[in-house]
């Protein structure tokens, strides 16, 4: 009789655990927010009438700084996004 009661108890517990936990809606990884899809600004152009090399070098230096700042920001964000997506997909 004890074995039957123990068996019914175990069956009752497994039945409760399988019916009480309802699966929720499947979560999906979010798309990239639109404001993060904005392209970098165009680089500055050197004035055609500029005869001074120092003015040309100022524009070139500013362009290099702007390019590398934008490249770093985009590259780091893309790396973070890909890493988070791999983690999210592995936890399923």
Protein backbone atom coordinates (compact mmCIF):
# COMPACT_ATOMS: atom_id res chain seq x y z
CA UNK A 1 0.00 0.00 0.00
CA UNK A 2 2.89 2.35 0.79
CA UNK A 3 4.38 1.66 -2.64
CA UNK A 4 1.12 2.55 -4.36
CA UNK A 5 0.78 5.77 -2.36
CA UNK A 6 4.38 6.70 -3.13
CA UNK A 7 3.80 5.98 -6.84
CA UNK A 8 0.64 8.10 -6.89
CA UNK A 9 2.47 10.88 -5.09
CA UNK A 10 5.32 10.83 -7.65
CA UNK A 11 2.85 10.75 -10.57
CA UNK A 12 0.94 13.63 -9.02
CA UNK A 13 4.09 15.72 -8.65
CA UNK A 14 5.25 15.11 -12.21
CA UNK A 15 1.79 15.87 -13.54
CA UNK A 16 1.69 19.17 -11.68
CA UNK A 17 5.10 20.25 -12.81
CA UNK A 18 4.37 19.55 -16.46
CA UNK A 19 0.98 21.27 -16.52
CA UNK A 20 1.62 24.26 -14.30
CA UNK A 21 4.48 25.71 -16.36
CA UNK A 22 3.00 27.06 -19.54
CA UNK A 23 5.49 28.05 -22.22
CA UNK A 24 5.44 31.76 -22.95
CA UNK A 25 5.65 33.34 -26.36
CA UNK A 26 8.95 32.78 -28.11
CA UNK A 27 11.21 35.76 -27.68
CA UNK A 28 13.09 36.96 -30.71
CA UNK A 29 16.24 39.02 -30.87
CA UNK A 30 15.31 42.67 -31.53
CA UNK A 31 16.19 44.40 -34.75
CA UNK A 32 18.68 47.20 -34.82
CA UNK A 33 17.09 50.45 -33.64
CA UNK A 34 16.66 52.91 -36.52
CA UNK A 35 18.76 55.62 -34.89
CA UNK A 36 21.74 53.26 -34.83
CA UNK A 37 21.50 52.73 -38.59
CA UNK A 38 22.44 56.34 -39.28
CA UNK A 39 25.44 56.65 -41.55
CA UNK A 40 28.51 58.65 -40.63
CA UNK A 41 28.77 62.24 -41.78
CA UNK A 42 30.47 62.99 -45.07
CA UNK A 43 34.09 64.00 -44.90
CA UNK A 44 35.02 67.64 -45.45
CA UNK A 45 36.39 68.77 -48.79
CA UNK A 46 39.36 71.03 -49.29
CA UNK A 47 38.45 74.36 -50.87
CA UNK A 48 39.69 74.39 -54.45
CA UNK A 49 40.97 77.96 -54.07
CA UNK A 50 43.17 77.08 -51.08
CA UNK A 51 46.82 77.58 -51.82
CA UNK A 52 48.12 76.96 -48.31
CA UNK A 53 49.24 73.48 -47.40
CA UNK A 54 48.41 74.14 -43.74
CA UNK A 55 44.71 74.53 -44.60
CA UNK A 56 44.77 71.27 -46.58
CA UNK A 57 46.43 69.49 -43.67
CA UNK A 58 43.77 70.80 -41.24
CA UNK A 59 40.99 69.34 -43.40
CA UNK A 60 42.84 66.05 -43.87
CA UNK A 61 43.50 65.76 -40.13
CA UNK A 62 39.88 66.51 -39.29
CA UNK A 63 38.72 63.92 -41.83
CA UNK A 64 41.01 61.24 -40.41
CA UNK A 65 39.79 61.97 -36.89
CA UNK A 66 36.13 61.90 -37.95
CA UNK A 67 36.57 58.69 -39.96
CA UNK A 68 38.35 56.75 -37.22
CA UNK A 69 35.92 57.92 -34.51
CA UNK A 70 32.97 56.77 -36.59
CA UNK A 71 34.67 53.52 -37.60
CA UNK A 72 35.47 52.66 -33.98
CA UNK A 73 31.94 53.41 -32.85
CA UNK A 74 30.35 51.29 -35.56
CA UNK A 75 32.83 48.41 -35.28
CA UNK A 76 32.48 48.20 -31.49
CA UNK A 77 28.71 48.36 -31.65
CA UNK A 78 28.54 45.64 -34.32
CA UNK A 79 30.85 43.42 -32.28
CA UNK A 80 28.74 43.94 -29.15
CA UNK A 81 25.52 43.24 -31.05
CA UNK A 82 26.87 40.01 -32.59
CA UNK A 83 28.19 38.81 -29.22
CA UNK A 84 24.87 39.50 -27.48
CA UNK A 85 22.98 37.71 -30.25
CA UNK A 86 25.21 34.62 -29.91
CA UNK A 87 24.66 34.60 -26.14
CA UNK A 88 20.90 35.02 -26.59
CA UNK A 89 20.69 32.20 -29.15
CA UNK A 90 22.81 29.84 -27.03
CA UNK A 91 20.56 30.23 -23.97
CA UNK A 92 17.39 29.04 -25.73
